PDB file of all heavy atoms in Angstrom:
ATOM      1  N   PRO A   1      -1.696 -12.834 -10.739  1.00  0.00           N
ATOM      2  CA  PRO A   1      -0.404 -13.164 -10.112  1.00  0.00           C
ATOM      3  C   PRO A   1       0.789 -13.020 -11.054  1.00  0.00           C
ATOM      4  O   PRO A   1       1.931 -12.953 -10.591  1.00  0.00           O
ATOM      5  CB  PRO A   1      -0.587 -14.616  -9.657  1.00  0.00           C
ATOM      6  CG  PRO A   1      -1.690 -15.153 -10.485  1.00  0.00           C
ATOM      7  CD  PRO A   1      -2.597 -14.007 -10.784  1.00  0.00           C
ATOM      8  N   GLU A   2       0.532 -12.990 -12.368  1.00  0.00           N
ATOM      9  CA  GLU A   2       1.613 -12.736 -13.318  1.00  0.00           C
ATOM     10  C   GLU A   2       1.935 -11.244 -13.399  1.00  0.00           C
ATOM     11  O   GLU A   2       3.066 -10.850 -13.655  1.00  0.00           O
ATOM     12  CB  GLU A   2       1.217 -13.259 -14.704  1.00  0.00           C
ATOM     13  CG  GLU A   2       0.980 -14.768 -14.740  1.00  0.00           C
ATOM     14  CD  GLU A   2       0.424 -15.233 -16.080  1.00  0.00           C
ATOM     15  OE1 GLU A   2       0.285 -14.391 -16.996  1.00  0.00           O
ATOM     16  OE2 GLU A   2       0.122 -16.442 -16.198  1.00  0.00           O
ATOM     17  N   ILE A   3       0.935 -10.416 -13.144  1.00  0.00           N
ATOM     18  CA  ILE A   3       1.111  -8.965 -13.201  1.00  0.00           C
ATOM     19  C   ILE A   3       1.675  -8.420 -11.894  1.00  0.00           C
ATOM     20  O   ILE A   3       2.477  -7.478 -11.892  1.00  0.00           O
ATOM     21  CB  ILE A   3      -0.232  -8.288 -13.555  1.00  0.00           C
ATOM     22  CG1 ILE A   3      -0.611  -8.604 -15.008  1.00  0.00           C
ATOM     23  CG2 ILE A   3      -0.176  -6.781 -13.335  1.00  0.00           C
ATOM     24  CD1 ILE A   3      -2.003  -8.154 -15.401  1.00  0.00           C
ATOM     25  N   MET A   4       1.282  -9.017 -10.763  1.00  0.00           N
ATOM     26  CA  MET A   4       1.738  -8.518  -9.461  1.00  0.00           C
ATOM     27  C   MET A   4       2.024  -9.676  -8.514  1.00  0.00           C
ATOM     28  O   MET A   4       1.218 -10.608  -8.391  1.00  0.00           O
ATOM     29  CB  MET A   4       0.688  -7.596  -8.839  1.00  0.00           C
ATOM     30  CG  MET A   4       1.114  -7.001  -7.510  1.00  0.00           C
ATOM     31  SD  MET A   4      -0.109  -5.841  -6.858  1.00  0.00           S
ATOM     32  CE  MET A   4       0.684  -5.378  -5.299  1.00  0.00           C
ATOM     33  N   ASN A   5       3.160  -9.607  -7.851  1.00  0.00           N
ATOM     34  CA  ASN A   5       3.522 -10.567  -6.814  1.00  0.00           C
ATOM     35  C   ASN A   5       2.701 -10.262  -5.567  1.00  0.00           C
ATOM     36  O   ASN A   5       2.880  -9.222  -4.934  1.00  0.00           O
ATOM     37  CB  ASN A   5       5.019 -10.456  -6.516  1.00  0.00           C
ATOM     38  CG  ASN A   5       5.475 -11.391  -5.407  1.00  0.00           C
ATOM     39  OD1 ASN A   5       4.677 -12.085  -4.779  1.00  0.00           O
ATOM     40  ND2 ASN A   5       6.779 -11.417  -5.163  1.00  0.00           N
ATOM     41  N   LEU A   6       1.798 -11.158  -5.199  1.00  0.00           N
ATOM     42  CA  LEU A   6       0.886 -10.912  -4.094  1.00  0.00           C
ATOM     43  C   LEU A   6       1.333 -11.563  -2.786  1.00  0.00           C
ATOM     44  O   LEU A   6       0.533 -11.707  -1.856  1.00  0.00           O
ATOM     45  CB  LEU A   6      -0.522 -11.374  -4.466  1.00  0.00           C
ATOM     46  CG  LEU A   6      -1.217 -10.490  -5.519  1.00  0.00           C
ATOM     47  CD1 LEU A   6      -2.513 -11.123  -5.987  1.00  0.00           C
ATOM     48  CD2 LEU A   6      -1.462  -9.093  -4.977  1.00  0.00           C
ATOM     49  N   SER A   7       2.592 -11.940  -2.683  1.00  0.00           N
ATOM     50  CA  SER A   7       3.129 -12.318  -1.373  1.00  0.00           C
ATOM     51  C   SER A   7       3.207 -11.055  -0.522  1.00  0.00           C
ATOM     52  O   SER A   7       3.262  -9.942  -1.057  1.00  0.00           O
ATOM     53  CB  SER A   7       4.517 -12.934  -1.515  1.00  0.00           C
ATOM     54  OG  SER A   7       5.460 -11.936  -1.897  1.00  0.00           O
ATOM     55  N   PRO A   8       3.205 -11.170   0.817  1.00  0.00           N
ATOM     56  CA  PRO A   8       3.332  -9.971   1.650  1.00  0.00           C
ATOM     57  C   PRO A   8       4.546  -9.118   1.279  1.00  0.00           C
ATOM     58  O   PRO A   8       4.441  -7.893   1.197  1.00  0.00           O
ATOM     59  CB  PRO A   8       3.448 -10.543   3.066  1.00  0.00           C
ATOM     60  CG  PRO A   8       2.705 -11.835   2.993  1.00  0.00           C
ATOM     61  CD  PRO A   8       2.993 -12.382   1.627  1.00  0.00           C
ATOM     62  N   LYS A   9       5.675  -9.767   1.014  1.00  0.00           N
ATOM     63  CA  LYS A   9       6.869  -9.024   0.619  1.00  0.00           C
ATOM     64  C   LYS A   9       6.675  -8.372  -0.746  1.00  0.00           C
ATOM     65  O   LYS A   9       7.060  -7.209  -0.958  1.00  0.00           O
ATOM     66  CB  LYS A   9       8.080  -9.962   0.578  1.00  0.00           C
ATOM     67  CG  LYS A   9       9.390  -9.267   0.212  1.00  0.00           C
ATOM     68  CD  LYS A   9      10.551 -10.255   0.215  1.00  0.00           C
ATOM     69  CE  LYS A   9      11.861  -9.554  -0.167  1.00  0.00           C
ATOM     70  NZ  LYS A   9      12.993 -10.514  -0.191  1.00  0.00           N
ATOM     71  N   GLY A  10       6.081  -9.096  -1.686  1.00  0.00           N
ATOM     72  CA  GLY A  10       5.838  -8.552  -3.014  1.00  0.00           C
ATOM     73  C   GLY A  10       4.938  -7.330  -2.975  1.00  0.00           C
ATOM     74  O   GLY A  10       5.180  -6.333  -3.681  1.00  0.00           O
ATOM     75  N   ILE A  11       3.899  -7.387  -2.141  1.00  0.00           N
ATOM     76  CA  ILE A  11       2.990  -6.240  -2.000  1.00  0.00           C
ATOM     77  C   ILE A  11       3.729  -5.052  -1.394  1.00  0.00           C
ATOM     78  O   ILE A  11       3.628  -3.917  -1.890  1.00  0.00           O
ATOM     79  CB  ILE A  11       1.775  -6.614  -1.131  1.00  0.00           C
ATOM     80  CG1 ILE A  11       0.907  -7.659  -1.833  1.00  0.00           C
ATOM     81  CG2 ILE A  11       0.948  -5.372  -0.789  1.00  0.00           C
ATOM     82  CD1 ILE A  11      -0.185  -8.249  -0.955  1.00  0.00           C
ATOM     83  N   ARG A  12       4.470  -5.307  -0.326  1.00  0.00           N
ATOM     84  CA  ARG A  12       5.196  -4.214   0.342  1.00  0.00           C
ATOM     85  C   ARG A  12       6.160  -3.530  -0.612  1.00  0.00           C
ATOM     86  O   ARG A  12       6.277  -2.301  -0.630  1.00  0.00           O
ATOM     87  CB  ARG A  12       5.951  -4.732   1.558  1.00  0.00           C
ATOM     88  CG  ARG A  12       5.087  -5.076   2.752  1.00  0.00           C
ATOM     89  CD  ARG A  12       5.910  -5.302   4.007  1.00  0.00           C
ATOM     90  NE  ARG A  12       6.829  -6.438   3.903  1.00  0.00           N
ATOM     91  CZ  ARG A  12       8.120  -6.355   3.657  1.00  0.00           C
ATOM     92  NH1 ARG A  12       8.689  -5.178   3.449  1.00  0.00           N
ATOM     93  NH2 ARG A  12       8.870  -7.443   3.595  1.00  0.00           N
ATOM     94  N   GLU A  13       6.866  -4.328  -1.409  1.00  0.00           N
ATOM     95  CA  GLU A  13       7.863  -3.753  -2.303  1.00  0.00           C
ATOM     96  C   GLU A  13       7.213  -3.017  -3.470  1.00  0.00           C
ATOM     97  O   GLU A  13       7.642  -1.916  -3.830  1.00  0.00           O
ATOM     98  CB  GLU A  13       8.801  -4.848  -2.802  1.00  0.00           C
ATOM     99  CG  GLU A  13       9.711  -5.388  -1.696  1.00  0.00           C
ATOM    100  CD  GLU A  13      10.663  -6.474  -2.181  1.00  0.00           C
ATOM    101  OE1 GLU A  13      10.442  -6.996  -3.302  1.00  0.00           O
ATOM    102  OE2 GLU A  13      11.610  -6.792  -1.443  1.00  0.00           O
ATOM    103  N   LYS A  14       6.170  -3.588  -4.052  1.00  0.00           N
ATOM    104  CA  LYS A  14       5.508  -2.945  -5.185  1.00  0.00           C
ATOM    105  C   LYS A  14       4.859  -1.627  -4.779  1.00  0.00           C
ATOM    106  O   LYS A  14       4.960  -0.614  -5.482  1.00  0.00           O
ATOM    107  CB  LYS A  14       4.459  -3.895  -5.775  1.00  0.00           C
ATOM    108  CG  LYS A  14       3.620  -3.286  -6.901  1.00  0.00           C
ATOM    109  CD  LYS A  14       4.470  -2.905  -8.106  1.00  0.00           C
ATOM    110  CE  LYS A  14       3.610  -2.358  -9.238  1.00  0.00           C
ATOM    111  NZ  LYS A  14       4.430  -1.871 -10.369  1.00  0.00           N
ATOM    112  N   LEU A  15       4.188  -1.623  -3.633  1.00  0.00           N
ATOM    113  CA  LEU A  15       3.473  -0.433  -3.183  1.00  0.00           C
ATOM    114  C   LEU A  15       4.299   0.442  -2.249  1.00  0.00           C
ATOM    115  O   LEU A  15       3.810   1.470  -1.770  1.00  0.00           O
ATOM    116  CB  LEU A  15       2.159  -0.841  -2.500  1.00  0.00           C
ATOM    117  CG  LEU A  15       1.162  -1.591  -3.393  1.00  0.00           C
ATOM    118  CD1 LEU A  15      -0.099  -1.939  -2.600  1.00  0.00           C
ATOM    119  CD2 LEU A  15       0.800  -0.766  -4.622  1.00  0.00           C
ATOM    120  N   GLN A  16       5.548   0.023  -1.980  1.00  0.00           N
ATOM    121  CA  GLN A  16       6.474   0.799  -1.136  1.00  0.00           C
ATOM    122  C   GLN A  16       5.824   1.142   0.220  1.00  0.00           C
ATOM    123  O   GLN A  16       5.740   2.305   0.618  1.00  0.00           O
ATOM    124  CB  GLN A  16       6.913   2.070  -1.866  1.00  0.00           C
ATOM    125  CG  GLN A  16       7.661   1.783  -3.170  1.00  0.00           C
ATOM    126  CD  GLN A  16       8.161   3.039  -3.849  1.00  0.00           C
ATOM    127  OE1 GLN A  16       7.448   4.038  -3.962  1.00  0.00           O
ATOM    128  NE2 GLN A  16       9.399   3.011  -4.300  1.00  0.00           N
ATOM    129  N   LEU A  17       5.395   0.109   0.907  1.00  0.00           N
ATOM    130  CA  LEU A  17       4.641   0.293   2.138  1.00  0.00           C
ATOM    131  C   LEU A  17       5.506   0.433   3.387  1.00  0.00           C
ATOM    132  O   LEU A  17       4.967   0.714   4.461  1.00  0.00           O
ATOM    133  CB  LEU A  17       3.663  -0.879   2.318  1.00  0.00           C
ATOM    134  CG  LEU A  17       2.588  -1.018   1.235  1.00  0.00           C
ATOM    135  CD1 LEU A  17       1.691  -2.211   1.525  1.00  0.00           C
ATOM    136  CD2 LEU A  17       1.773   0.253   1.096  1.00  0.00           C
ATOM    137  N   ASN A  18       6.812   0.234   3.264  1.00  0.00           N
ATOM    138  CA  ASN A  18       7.683   0.365   4.440  1.00  0.00           C
ATOM    139  C   ASN A  18       8.127   1.809   4.635  1.00  0.00           C
ATOM    140  O   ASN A  18       9.315   2.114   4.782  1.00  0.00           O
ATOM    141  CB  ASN A  18       8.895  -0.556   4.314  1.00  0.00           C
ATOM    142  CG  ASN A  18       8.520  -2.014   4.416  1.00  0.00           C
ATOM    143  OD1 ASN A  18       8.523  -2.744   3.434  1.00  0.00           O
ATOM    144  ND2 ASN A  18       8.150  -2.447   5.622  1.00  0.00           N
ATOM    145  N   LYS A  19       7.151   2.694   4.630  1.00  0.00           N
ATOM    146  CA  LYS A  19       7.394   4.121   4.817  1.00  0.00           C
ATOM    147  C   LYS A  19       6.397   4.661   5.838  1.00  0.00           C
ATOM    148  O   LYS A  19       5.308   4.099   6.007  1.00  0.00           O
ATOM    149  CB  LYS A  19       7.211   4.874   3.489  1.00  0.00           C
ATOM    150  CG  LYS A  19       8.235   4.520   2.423  1.00  0.00           C
ATOM    151  CD  LYS A  19       7.977   5.332   1.151  1.00  0.00           C
ATOM    152  CE  LYS A  19       9.032   5.054   0.091  1.00  0.00           C
ATOM    153  NZ  LYS A  19       8.796   5.871  -1.131  1.00  0.00           N
ATOM    154  N   PRO A  20       6.730   5.769   6.507  1.00  0.00           N
ATOM    155  CA  PRO A  20       5.801   6.346   7.494  1.00  0.00           C
ATOM    156  C   PRO A  20       4.693   7.142   6.812  1.00  0.00           C
ATOM    157  O   PRO A  20       4.660   8.381   6.841  1.00  0.00           O
ATOM    158  CB  PRO A  20       6.711   7.232   8.345  1.00  0.00           C
ATOM    159  CG  PRO A  20       7.822   7.634   7.415  1.00  0.00           C
ATOM    160  CD  PRO A  20       8.048   6.451   6.505  1.00  0.00           C
ATOM    161  N   ILE A  21       3.745   6.439   6.224  1.00  0.00           N
ATOM    162  CA  ILE A  21       2.704   7.051   5.389  1.00  0.00           C
ATOM    163  C   ILE A  21       1.302   6.834   5.950  1.00  0.00           C
ATOM    164  O   ILE A  21       0.316   7.177   5.294  1.00  0.00           O
ATOM    165  CB  ILE A  21       2.757   6.462   3.956  1.00  0.00           C
ATOM    166  CG1 ILE A  21       2.619   4.928   4.005  1.00  0.00           C
ATOM    167  CG2 ILE A  21       4.042   6.876   3.247  1.00  0.00           C
ATOM    168  CD1 ILE A  21       2.488   4.264   2.646  1.00  0.00           C
ATOM    169  N   TYR A  22       1.190   6.322   7.148  1.00  0.00           N
ATOM    170  CA  TYR A  22      -0.098   5.783   7.575  1.00  0.00           C
ATOM    171  C   TYR A  22      -0.980   6.753   8.360  1.00  0.00           C
ATOM    172  O   TYR A  22      -2.214   6.633   8.310  1.00  0.00           O
ATOM    173  CB  TYR A  22       0.131   4.495   8.360  1.00  0.00           C
ATOM    174  CG  TYR A  22       0.755   3.441   7.471  1.00  0.00           C
ATOM    175  CD1 TYR A  22       2.104   3.110   7.575  1.00  0.00           C
ATOM    176  CD2 TYR A  22       0.014   2.831   6.472  1.00  0.00           C
ATOM    177  CE1 TYR A  22       2.681   2.178   6.729  1.00  0.00           C
ATOM    178  CE2 TYR A  22       0.576   1.903   5.619  1.00  0.00           C
ATOM    179  CZ  TYR A  22       1.913   1.579   5.753  1.00  0.00           C
ATOM    180  OH  TYR A  22       2.482   0.664   4.900  1.00  0.00           O
ATOM    181  N   GLU A  23      -0.404   7.720   9.070  1.00  0.00           N
ATOM    182  CA  GLU A  23      -1.237   8.634   9.848  1.00  0.00           C
ATOM    183  C   GLU A  23      -2.259   9.342   8.961  1.00  0.00           C
ATOM    184  O   GLU A  23      -3.413   9.515   9.340  1.00  0.00           O
ATOM    185  CB  GLU A  23      -0.367   9.668  10.578  1.00  0.00           C
ATOM    186  CG  GLU A  23      -1.183  10.611  11.442  1.00  0.00           C
ATOM    187  CD  GLU A  23      -0.349  11.689  12.131  1.00  0.00           C
ATOM    188  OE1 GLU A  23       0.900  11.662  12.008  1.00  0.00           O
ATOM    189  OE2 GLU A  23      -0.954  12.550  12.790  1.00  0.00           O
ATOM    190  N   GLN A  24      -1.842   9.726   7.764  1.00  0.00           N
ATOM    191  CA  GLN A  24      -2.742  10.468   6.875  1.00  0.00           C
ATOM    192  C   GLN A  24      -3.854   9.610   6.276  1.00  0.00           C
ATOM    193  O   GLN A  24      -4.804  10.138   5.691  1.00  0.00           O
ATOM    194  CB  GLN A  24      -1.945  11.137   5.760  1.00  0.00           C
ATOM    195  CG  GLN A  24      -1.179  10.182   4.875  1.00  0.00           C
ATOM    196  CD  GLN A  24      -0.104  10.894   4.063  1.00  0.00           C
ATOM    197  OE1 GLN A  24      -0.399  11.708   3.211  1.00  0.00           O
ATOM    198  NE2 GLN A  24       1.149  10.584   4.338  1.00  0.00           N
ATOM    199  N   THR A  25      -3.757   8.295   6.425  1.00  0.00           N
ATOM    200  CA  THR A  25      -4.818   7.418   5.908  1.00  0.00           C
ATOM    201  C   THR A  25      -5.981   7.281   6.882  1.00  0.00           C
ATOM    202  O   THR A  25      -7.043   6.768   6.507  1.00  0.00           O
ATOM    203  CB  THR A  25      -4.286   5.999   5.614  1.00  0.00           C
ATOM    204  OG1 THR A  25      -3.959   5.343   6.854  1.00  0.00           O
ATOM    205  CG2 THR A  25      -3.066   6.025   4.709  1.00  0.00           C
ATOM    206  N   ALA A  26      -5.810   7.727   8.120  1.00  0.00           N
ATOM    207  CA  ALA A  26      -6.720   7.343   9.200  1.00  0.00           C
ATOM    208  C   ALA A  26      -8.092   8.003   9.136  1.00  0.00           C
ATOM    209  O   ALA A  26      -9.012   7.560   9.809  1.00  0.00           O
ATOM    210  CB  ALA A  26      -6.070   7.626  10.554  1.00  0.00           C
ATOM    211  N   ALA A  27      -8.267   9.063   8.359  1.00  0.00           N
ATOM    212  CA  ALA A  27      -9.579   9.700   8.236  1.00  0.00           C
ATOM    213  C   ALA A  27      -9.894   9.963   6.776  1.00  0.00           C
ATOM    214  O   ALA A  27      -9.001  10.128   5.948  1.00  0.00           O
ATOM    215  CB  ALA A  27      -9.615  11.008   9.031  1.00  0.00           C
ATOM    216  N   TYR A  28     -11.187   9.966   6.461  1.00  0.00           N
ATOM    217  CA  TYR A  28     -11.717  10.254   5.125  1.00  0.00           C
ATOM    218  C   TYR A  28     -11.389   9.163   4.109  1.00  0.00           C
ATOM    219  O   TYR A  28     -11.317   9.417   2.916  1.00  0.00           O
ATOM    220  CB  TYR A  28     -11.257  11.643   4.637  1.00  0.00           C
ATOM    221  CG  TYR A  28     -11.417  12.694   5.704  1.00  0.00           C
ATOM    222  CD1 TYR A  28     -10.313  13.358   6.241  1.00  0.00           C
ATOM    223  CD2 TYR A  28     -12.681  12.972   6.229  1.00  0.00           C
ATOM    224  CE1 TYR A  28     -10.465  14.290   7.257  1.00  0.00           C
ATOM    225  CE2 TYR A  28     -12.833  13.907   7.250  1.00  0.00           C
ATOM    226  CZ  TYR A  28     -11.717  14.554   7.758  1.00  0.00           C
ATOM    227  OH  TYR A  28     -11.872  15.472   8.776  1.00  0.00           O
ATOM    228  N   GLY A  29     -11.225   7.951   4.600  1.00  0.00           N
ATOM    229  CA  GLY A  29     -11.102   6.794   3.724  1.00  0.00           C
ATOM    230  C   GLY A  29      -9.679   6.476   3.313  1.00  0.00           C
ATOM    231  O   GLY A  29      -8.857   7.363   3.083  1.00  0.00           O
ATOM    232  N   HIS A  30      -9.403   5.180   3.219  1.00  0.00           N
ATOM    233  CA  HIS A  30      -8.088   4.727   2.749  1.00  0.00           C
ATOM    234  C   HIS A  30      -8.033   4.665   1.229  1.00  0.00           C
ATOM    235  O   HIS A  30      -6.951   4.552   0.660  1.00  0.00           O
ATOM    236  CB  HIS A  30      -7.779   3.339   3.327  1.00  0.00           C
ATOM    237  CG  HIS A  30      -7.543   3.348   4.801  1.00  0.00           C
ATOM    238  ND1 HIS A  30      -6.318   3.054   5.367  1.00  0.00           N
ATOM    239  CD2 HIS A  30      -8.365   3.628   5.850  1.00  0.00           C
ATOM    240  CE1 HIS A  30      -6.411   3.139   6.688  1.00  0.00           C
ATOM    241  NE2 HIS A  30      -7.642   3.479   6.999  1.00  0.00           N
ATOM    242  N   PHE A  31      -9.196   4.752   0.584  1.00  0.00           N
ATOM    243  CA  PHE A  31      -9.268   4.587  -0.868  1.00  0.00           C
ATOM    244  C   PHE A  31      -9.928   5.809  -1.515  1.00  0.00           C
ATOM    245  O   PHE A  31     -10.660   6.560  -0.867  1.00  0.00           O
ATOM    246  CB  PHE A  31     -10.044   3.316  -1.211  1.00  0.00           C
ATOM    247  CG  PHE A  31      -9.512   2.097  -0.515  1.00  0.00           C
ATOM    248  CD1 PHE A  31     -10.341   1.268   0.217  1.00  0.00           C
ATOM    249  CD2 PHE A  31      -8.154   1.794  -0.557  1.00  0.00           C
ATOM    250  CE1 PHE A  31      -9.850   0.145   0.867  1.00  0.00           C
ATOM    251  CE2 PHE A  31      -7.642   0.688   0.098  1.00  0.00           C
ATOM    252  CZ  PHE A  31      -8.494  -0.141   0.816  1.00  0.00           C
ATOM    253  N   GLY A  32      -9.620   5.995  -2.801  1.00  0.00           N
ATOM    254  CA  GLY A  32     -10.124   7.168  -3.498  1.00  0.00           C
ATOM    255  C   GLY A  32      -9.343   8.419  -3.182  1.00  0.00           C
ATOM    256  O   GLY A  32      -9.790   9.531  -3.475  1.00  0.00           O
ATOM    257  N   ARG A  33      -8.169   8.259  -2.615  1.00  0.00           N
ATOM    258  CA  ARG A  33      -7.315   9.398  -2.267  1.00  0.00           C
ATOM    259  C   ARG A  33      -6.301   9.638  -3.382  1.00  0.00           C
ATOM    260  O   ARG A  33      -6.188   8.863  -4.335  1.00  0.00           O
ATOM    261  CB  ARG A  33      -6.601   9.116  -0.934  1.00  0.00           C
ATOM    262  CG  ARG A  33      -7.526   8.690   0.201  1.00  0.00           C
ATOM    263  CD  ARG A  33      -8.341   9.834   0.763  1.00  0.00           C
ATOM    264  NE  ARG A  33      -7.500  10.764   1.490  1.00  0.00           N
ATOM    265  CZ  ARG A  33      -7.153  10.631   2.777  1.00  0.00           C
ATOM    266  NH1 ARG A  33      -7.582   9.587   3.463  1.00  0.00           N
ATOM    267  NH2 ARG A  33      -6.400  11.533   3.371  1.00  0.00           N
ATOM    268  N   THR A  34      -5.514  10.701  -3.257  1.00  0.00           N
ATOM    269  CA  THR A  34      -4.554  11.063  -4.303  1.00  0.00           C
ATOM    270  C   THR A  34      -3.188  10.476  -3.997  1.00  0.00           C
ATOM    271  O   THR A  34      -2.641  10.693  -2.915  1.00  0.00           O
ATOM    272  CB  THR A  34      -4.438  12.596  -4.424  1.00  0.00           C
ATOM    273  OG1 THR A  34      -5.733  13.129  -4.737  1.00  0.00           O
ATOM    274  CG2 THR A  34      -3.461  12.977  -5.534  1.00  0.00           C
TER     275      THR A  34
END
């Protein structure tokens, strides 16, 4: 928790999740991608 803010807002801001990036995650796994 000192390295990363794990509140929902903290996660969204750190990982920049408020972007239209989700369609490409839907197949072949959400993890291990580039």
